[in-house]
Amino acid sequence: MAYQTVEYAQQHGVEIAIIDTAGRLHTKGGLMDELSKVRRVVEKLAPISEVLLVLDATTGQNGVLQAEAFLQHAGVTGLVVTKLDGSAKGGFILAVQERTGIPVKLLGQGEGIDDLTGFTPHVFVSALVGA
């Protein structure tokens, strides 16, 4: 499906193709190996400019393990932290950044498209410490 998506985009002059591989568990080797295969298949047609890993703010320290696994198998280039509209503050992201160096690109603070915003470090830290 990924190959067909990129092929269609190229044939129709579409500049951006989004391939969602949702539902991957970092503990399932076979599923993670499929991510590596998806990457190889897509790169036969076009270079991949961005691979975003979406992490739920309620994940906690398990997010570090997830980020490391997805970095290895999918070449993650950025993080999207969602569900920041509840009680979770996403503090584990600091540990993810320290261990992996993957930058946070977007924050999700609701369910609508307008609730997805760019990441501003000082704003995030202020919200994290309650300032």
N, C-alpha and C. Protein backbone atom coordinates (compact mmCIF):
# COMPACT_ATOMS: atom_id res chain seq x y z
N MET A 1 0.81 -1.18 0.00
CA MET A 1 0.00 0.00 0.00
C MET A 1 0.87 1.27 0.00
N ALA A 2 1.97 1.24 0.73
CA ALA A 2 2.85 2.41 0.80
C ALA A 2 3.43 2.72 -0.58
N TYR A 3 3.86 1.69 -1.28
CA TYR A 3 4.43 1.87 -2.62
C TYR A 3 3.39 2.51 -3.55
N GLN A 4 2.17 1.99 -3.50
CA GLN A 4 1.10 2.51 -4.35
C GLN A 4 0.76 3.96 -4.00
N THR A 5 0.83 4.30 -2.74
CA THR A 5 0.55 5.67 -2.30
C THR A 5 1.55 6.65 -2.91
N VAL A 6 2.83 6.32 -2.82
CA VAL A 6 3.87 7.20 -3.35
C VAL A 6 3.81 7.23 -4.88
N GLU A 7 3.57 6.09 -5.47
CA GLU A 7 3.45 6.02 -6.94
C GLU A 7 2.30 6.90 -7.42
N TYR A 8 1.15 6.82 -6.75
CA TYR A 8 0.00 7.65 -7.10
C TYR A 8 0.34 9.14 -6.95
N ALA A 9 0.97 9.48 -5.85
CA ALA A 9 1.34 10.87 -5.61
C ALA A 9 2.24 11.40 -6.73
N GLN A 10 3.21 10.60 -7.12
CA GLN A 10 4.12 11.02 -8.20
C GLN A 10 3.38 11.19 -9.52
N GLN A 11 2.50 10.27 -9.83
CA GLN A 11 1.77 10.32 -11.10
C GLN A 11 0.79 11.48 -11.18
N HIS A 12 0.35 11.98 -10.03
CA HIS A 12 -0.65 13.04 -10.00
C HIS A 12 -0.10 14.38 -9.51
N GLY A 13 1.21 14.49 -9.42
CA GLY A 13 1.84 15.75 -9.05
C GLY A 13 1.61 16.16 -7.61
N VAL A 14 1.36 15.21 -6.74
CA VAL A 14 1.15 15.49 -5.33
C VAL A 14 2.51 15.53 -4.64
N GLU A 15 2.80 16.60 -3.92
CA GLU A 15 4.12 16.79 -3.31
C GLU A 15 4.30 16.05 -1.99
N ILE A 16 3.21 15.82 -1.27
CA ILE A 16 3.30 15.20 0.05
C ILE A 16 2.40 13.97 0.09
N ALA A 17 2.98 12.86 0.50
CA ALA A 17 2.22 11.63 0.71
C ALA A 17 2.38 11.25 2.18
N ILE A 18 1.27 10.96 2.82
CA ILE A 18 1.29 10.57 4.23
C ILE A 18 0.96 9.09 4.31
N ILE A 19 1.84 8.35 4.97
CA ILE A 19 1.63 6.92 5.16
C ILE A 19 1.54 6.68 6.66
N ASP A 20 0.38 6.23 7.11
CA ASP A 20 0.13 6.01 8.53
C ASP A 20 0.28 4.52 8.83
N THR A 21 1.21 4.20 9.71
CA THR A 21 1.42 2.80 10.10
C THR A 21 0.96 2.59 11.54
N ALA A 22 -0.16 3.16 11.88
CA ALA A 22 -0.67 3.14 13.25
C ALA A 22 -0.83 1.73 13.79
N GLY A 23 -0.78 1.64 15.10
CA GLY A 23 -1.04 0.37 15.77
C GLY A 23 0.18 -0.50 15.95
N ARG A 24 1.36 0.05 15.80
CA ARG A 24 2.58 -0.74 15.97
C ARG A 24 2.98 -0.78 17.43
N LEU A 25 3.24 -1.97 17.91
CA LEU A 25 3.76 -2.12 19.26
C LEU A 25 5.26 -2.34 19.17
N HIS A 26 6.01 -1.55 19.90
CA HIS A 26 7.46 -1.64 19.83
C HIS A 26 7.99 -2.97 20.34
N THR A 27 7.16 -3.73 21.03
CA THR A 27 7.58 -5.02 21.57
C THR A 27 7.33 -6.17 20.60
N LYS A 28 6.70 -5.91 19.48
CA LYS A 28 6.40 -6.95 18.50
C LYS A 28 7.40 -6.88 17.35
N GLY A 29 8.39 -7.76 17.39
CA GLY A 29 9.48 -7.74 16.41
C GLY A 29 9.02 -7.79 14.97
N GLY A 30 8.05 -8.64 14.67
CA GLY A 30 7.57 -8.76 13.29
C GLY A 30 6.97 -7.47 12.76
N LEU A 31 6.19 -6.81 13.60
CA LEU A 31 5.57 -5.54 13.18
C LEU A 31 6.62 -4.46 12.99
N MET A 32 7.61 -4.45 13.86
CA MET A 32 8.67 -3.45 13.73
C MET A 32 9.52 -3.72 12.49
N ASP A 33 9.75 -4.98 12.17
CA ASP A 33 10.49 -5.31 10.95
C ASP A 33 9.73 -4.83 9.71
N GLU A 34 8.39 -4.88 9.77
CA GLU A 34 7.58 -4.38 8.66
C GLU A 34 7.82 -2.89 8.43
N LEU A 35 8.06 -2.14 9.49
CA LEU A 35 8.35 -0.71 9.34
C LEU A 35 9.62 -0.49 8.52
N SER A 36 10.62 -1.28 8.80
CA SER A 36 11.87 -1.19 8.04
C SER A 36 11.60 -1.49 6.57
N LYS A 37 10.75 -2.48 6.32
CA LYS A 37 10.41 -2.85 4.94
C LYS A 37 9.64 -1.72 4.25
N VAL A 38 8.69 -1.11 4.96
CA VAL A 38 7.93 0.01 4.38
C VAL A 38 8.89 1.11 3.96
N ARG A 39 9.84 1.42 4.80
CA ARG A 39 10.82 2.46 4.49
C ARG A 39 11.61 2.11 3.24
N ARG A 40 12.10 0.89 3.16
CA ARG A 40 12.88 0.46 1.97
C ARG A 40 12.05 0.53 0.70
N VAL A 41 10.80 0.11 0.77
CA VAL A 41 9.91 0.11 -0.39
C VAL A 41 9.66 1.54 -0.88
N VAL A 42 9.36 2.45 0.04
CA VAL A 42 9.08 3.84 -0.32
C VAL A 42 10.33 4.49 -0.91
N GLU A 43 11.48 4.22 -0.32
CA GLU A 43 12.72 4.85 -0.79
C GLU A 43 13.14 4.39 -2.19
N LYS A 44 12.53 3.33 -2.69
CA LYS A 44 12.78 2.93 -4.08
C LYS A 44 12.18 3.94 -5.05
N LEU A 45 11.16 4.65 -4.60
CA LEU A 45 10.47 5.63 -5.44
C LEU A 45 10.89 7.07 -5.16
N ALA A 46 11.10 7.38 -3.89
CA ALA A 46 11.37 8.77 -3.51
C ALA A 46 12.05 8.81 -2.15
N PRO A 47 12.82 9.86 -1.91
CA PRO A 47 13.42 10.01 -0.58
C PRO A 47 12.33 10.33 0.45
N ILE A 48 12.54 9.87 1.65
CA ILE A 48 11.61 10.16 2.74
C ILE A 48 12.13 11.39 3.47
N SER A 49 11.29 12.41 3.58
CA SER A 49 11.75 13.65 4.20
C SER A 49 11.42 13.74 5.68
N GLU A 50 10.44 13.01 6.13
CA GLU A 50 10.03 13.12 7.53
C GLU A 50 9.36 11.83 7.98
N VAL A 51 9.73 11.35 9.16
CA VAL A 51 9.08 10.21 9.80
C VAL A 51 8.72 10.66 11.21
N LEU A 52 7.43 10.80 11.46
CA LEU A 52 6.97 11.28 12.76
C LEU A 52 6.44 10.14 13.61
N LEU A 53 6.85 10.10 14.85
CA LEU A 53 6.35 9.14 15.82
C LEU A 53 5.38 9.89 16.73
N VAL A 54 4.16 9.38 16.81
CA VAL A 54 3.14 9.99 17.66
C VAL A 54 3.16 9.25 19.00
N LEU A 55 3.42 10.01 20.06
CA LEU A 55 3.42 9.46 21.41
C LEU A 55 2.34 10.12 22.24
N ASP A 56 1.60 9.32 22.94
CA ASP A 56 0.54 9.76 23.83
C ASP A 56 1.18 10.32 25.10
N ALA A 57 0.78 11.49 25.54
CA ALA A 57 1.37 12.12 26.73
C ALA A 57 1.17 11.29 27.99
N THR A 58 0.21 10.38 27.97
CA THR A 58 -0.03 9.54 29.15
C THR A 58 0.88 8.31 29.17
N THR A 59 1.72 8.15 28.16
CA THR A 59 2.58 6.97 28.03
C THR A 59 3.58 6.83 29.17
N GLY A 60 4.13 7.92 29.61
CA GLY A 60 5.13 7.87 30.68
C GLY A 60 6.47 7.36 30.16
N GLN A 61 7.25 6.78 31.05
CA GLN A 61 8.62 6.38 30.71
C GLN A 61 8.69 5.29 29.64
N ASN A 62 7.61 4.58 29.40
CA ASN A 62 7.57 3.60 28.32
C ASN A 62 7.79 4.28 26.98
N GLY A 63 7.52 5.57 26.92
CA GLY A 63 7.73 6.34 25.69
C GLY A 63 9.19 6.36 25.26
N VAL A 64 10.09 6.29 26.22
CA VAL A 64 11.52 6.26 25.89
C VAL A 64 11.85 4.99 25.12
N LEU A 65 11.36 3.86 25.60
CA LEU A 65 11.59 2.59 24.91
C LEU A 65 10.96 2.58 23.52
N GLN A 66 9.76 3.14 23.44
CA GLN A 66 9.08 3.22 22.14
C GLN A 66 9.90 4.05 21.16
N ALA A 67 10.34 5.21 21.60
CA ALA A 67 11.10 6.10 20.72
C ALA A 67 12.38 5.43 20.24
N GLU A 68 13.08 4.75 21.13
CA GLU A 68 14.32 4.08 20.74
C GLU A 68 14.06 2.99 19.70
N ALA A 69 13.01 2.21 19.90
CA ALA A 69 12.68 1.14 18.96
C ALA A 69 12.27 1.69 17.60
N PHE A 70 11.43 2.71 17.60
CA PHE A 70 10.97 3.28 16.33
C PHE A 70 12.09 4.03 15.61
N LEU A 71 13.00 4.61 16.36
CA LEU A 71 14.16 5.26 15.75
C LEU A 71 15.00 4.22 15.00
N GLN A 72 15.20 3.09 15.63
CA GLN A 72 15.99 2.02 15.01
C GLN A 72 15.32 1.44 13.76
N HIS A 73 14.02 1.20 13.82
CA HIS A 73 13.33 0.51 12.73
C HIS A 73 12.76 1.43 11.66
N ALA A 74 12.41 2.65 12.02
CA ALA A 74 11.73 3.51 11.06
C ALA A 74 12.50 4.79 10.76
N GLY A 75 13.57 5.04 11.47
CA GLY A 75 14.32 6.27 11.21
C GLY A 75 13.54 7.51 11.57
N VAL A 76 12.93 7.52 12.74
CA VAL A 76 12.11 8.64 13.19
C VAL A 76 12.92 9.94 13.16
N THR A 77 12.31 10.99 12.62
CA THR A 77 12.96 12.30 12.54
C THR A 77 12.30 13.34 13.44
N GLY A 78 11.13 13.01 13.99
CA GLY A 78 10.45 13.97 14.84
C GLY A 78 9.35 13.31 15.65
N LEU A 79 8.98 13.96 16.73
CA LEU A 79 7.93 13.47 17.61
C LEU A 79 6.70 14.36 17.57
N VAL A 80 5.56 13.73 17.73
CA VAL A 80 4.30 14.42 17.93
C VAL A 80 3.78 13.92 19.27
N VAL A 81 3.57 14.81 20.21
CA VAL A 81 3.08 14.43 21.53
C VAL A 81 1.61 14.83 21.61
N THR A 82 0.75 13.83 21.83
CA THR A 82 -0.69 14.08 21.86
C THR A 82 -1.26 13.93 23.26
N LYS A 83 -2.51 14.28 23.39
CA LYS A 83 -3.29 14.18 24.63
C LYS A 83 -2.74 15.06 25.75
N LEU A 84 -2.24 16.22 25.37
CA LEU A 84 -1.77 17.17 26.37
C LEU A 84 -2.90 18.04 26.89
N ASP A 85 -4.13 17.75 26.47
CA ASP A 85 -5.28 18.52 26.92
C ASP A 85 -5.87 17.97 28.22
N GLY A 86 -5.37 16.83 28.67
CA GLY A 86 -5.85 16.23 29.92
C GLY A 86 -4.91 16.52 31.07
N SER A 87 -4.85 15.61 32.00
CA SER A 87 -3.99 15.81 33.17
C SER A 87 -2.53 15.48 32.89
N ALA A 88 -2.25 14.70 31.83
CA ALA A 88 -0.87 14.34 31.51
C ALA A 88 -0.11 15.56 31.01
N LYS A 89 1.14 15.66 31.43
CA LYS A 89 1.96 16.80 31.02
C LYS A 89 3.05 16.41 30.04
N GLY A 90 3.30 15.11 29.86
CA GLY A 90 4.29 14.68 28.88
C GLY A 90 5.72 14.88 29.30
N GLY A 91 6.01 14.88 30.59
CA GLY A 91 7.36 15.10 31.07
C GLY A 91 8.37 14.07 30.59
N PHE A 92 7.89 12.86 30.24
CA PHE A 92 8.78 11.81 29.74
C PHE A 92 9.49 12.23 28.46
N ILE A 93 8.95 13.22 27.77
CA ILE A 93 9.54 13.69 26.52
C ILE A 93 10.96 14.21 26.76
N LEU A 94 11.21 14.77 27.92
CA LEU A 94 12.56 15.24 28.23
C LEU A 94 13.54 14.07 28.23
N ALA A 95 13.14 12.93 28.78
CA ALA A 95 13.99 11.74 28.78
C ALA A 95 14.15 11.19 27.36
N VAL A 96 13.08 11.25 26.57
CA VAL A 96 13.15 10.78 25.17
C VAL A 96 14.18 11.62 24.41
N GLN A 97 14.11 12.92 24.59
CA GLN A 97 15.04 13.81 23.90
C GLN A 97 16.48 13.56 24.34
N GLU A 98 16.67 13.35 25.63
CA GLU A 98 18.02 13.13 26.15
C GLU A 98 18.61 11.82 25.61
N ARG A 99 17.79 10.77 25.54
CA ARG A 99 18.28 9.46 25.11
C ARG A 99 18.39 9.31 23.61
N THR A 100 17.51 9.97 22.85
CA THR A 100 17.47 9.74 21.41
C THR A 100 17.86 10.94 20.57
N GLY A 101 17.67 12.14 21.11
CA GLY A 101 17.93 13.34 20.33
C GLY A 101 16.85 13.67 19.32
N ILE A 102 15.76 12.91 19.32
CA ILE A 102 14.67 13.16 18.37
C ILE A 102 13.94 14.43 18.80
N PRO A 103 13.81 15.41 17.90
CA PRO A 103 13.14 16.66 18.27
C PRO A 103 11.62 16.53 18.30
N VAL A 104 11.00 17.27 19.19
CA VAL A 104 9.53 17.36 19.20
C VAL A 104 9.15 18.35 18.12
N LYS A 105 8.23 17.96 17.26
CA LYS A 105 7.79 18.83 16.16
C LYS A 105 6.41 19.43 16.41
N LEU A 106 5.51 18.61 16.96
CA LEU A 106 4.12 19.05 17.13
C LEU A 106 3.56 18.59 18.47
N LEU A 107 2.59 19.36 18.98
CA LEU A 107 1.88 19.02 20.20
C LEU A 107 0.39 18.95 19.89
N GLY A 108 -0.26 17.93 20.41
CA GLY A 108 -1.69 17.77 20.25
C GLY A 108 -2.40 18.05 21.55
N GLN A 109 -3.29 19.04 21.53
CA GLN A 109 -3.98 19.44 22.76
C GLN A 109 -5.48 19.35 22.58
N GLY A 110 -5.93 18.39 21.81
CA GLY A 110 -7.35 18.19 21.55
C GLY A 110 -7.51 17.26 20.36
N GLU A 111 -8.73 17.17 19.85
CA GLU A 111 -9.01 16.23 18.77
C GLU A 111 -9.15 16.89 17.41
N GLY A 112 -9.22 18.19 17.35
CA GLY A 112 -9.40 18.88 16.08
C GLY A 112 -8.07 19.22 15.42
N ILE A 113 -8.09 19.48 14.13
CA ILE A 113 -6.87 19.81 13.40
C ILE A 113 -6.24 21.09 13.94
N ASP A 114 -7.05 22.01 14.41
CA ASP A 114 -6.53 23.26 14.97
C ASP A 114 -5.89 23.06 16.35
N ASP A 115 -6.09 21.88 16.94
CA ASP A 115 -5.51 21.58 18.24
C ASP A 115 -4.10 21.03 18.13
N LEU A 116 -3.60 20.86 16.92
CA LEU A 116 -2.24 20.41 16.67
C LEU A 116 -1.39 21.65 16.41
N THR A 117 -0.43 21.89 17.29
CA THR A 117 0.37 23.11 17.19
C THR A 117 1.85 22.79 17.14
N GLY A 118 2.62 23.75 16.70
CA GLY A 118 4.07 23.61 16.69
C GLY A 118 4.60 23.57 18.12
N PHE A 119 5.79 23.04 18.26
CA PHE A 119 6.42 22.89 19.57
C PHE A 119 7.30 24.10 19.86
N THR A 120 7.07 24.73 21.00
CA THR A 120 7.90 25.83 21.47
C THR A 120 8.45 25.42 22.83
N PRO A 121 9.76 25.17 22.92
CA PRO A 121 10.34 24.62 24.15
C PRO A 121 9.99 25.38 25.43
N HIS A 122 10.13 26.70 25.44
CA HIS A 122 9.89 27.44 26.68
C HIS A 122 8.42 27.39 27.10
N VAL A 123 7.50 27.34 26.15
CA VAL A 123 6.09 27.24 26.48
C VAL A 123 5.79 25.86 27.08
N PHE A 124 6.40 24.81 26.47
CA PHE A 124 6.21 23.45 26.97
C PHE A 124 6.73 23.30 28.40
N VAL A 125 7.93 23.81 28.64
CA VAL A 125 8.54 23.71 29.98
C VAL A 125 7.72 24.49 30.99
N SER A 126 7.23 25.65 30.62
CA SER A 126 6.40 26.44 31.54
C SER A 126 5.15 25.65 31.93
N ALA A 127 4.53 25.00 30.97
CA ALA A 127 3.34 24.22 31.24
C ALA A 127 3.68 22.99 32.08
N LEU A 128 4.85 22.43 31.85
CA LEU A 128 5.30 21.24 32.56
C LEU A 128 5.52 21.52 34.05
N VAL A 129 6.10 22.65 34.36
CA VAL A 129 6.38 22.98 35.76
C VAL A 129 5.27 23.81 36.40
N GLY A 130 4.24 24.09 35.61
CA GLY A 130 3.09 24.81 36.15
C GLY A 130 3.32 26.29 36.35
N ALA A 131 4.26 26.87 35.62
CA ALA A 131 4.55 28.30 35.77
C ALA A 131 3.63 29.14 34.94
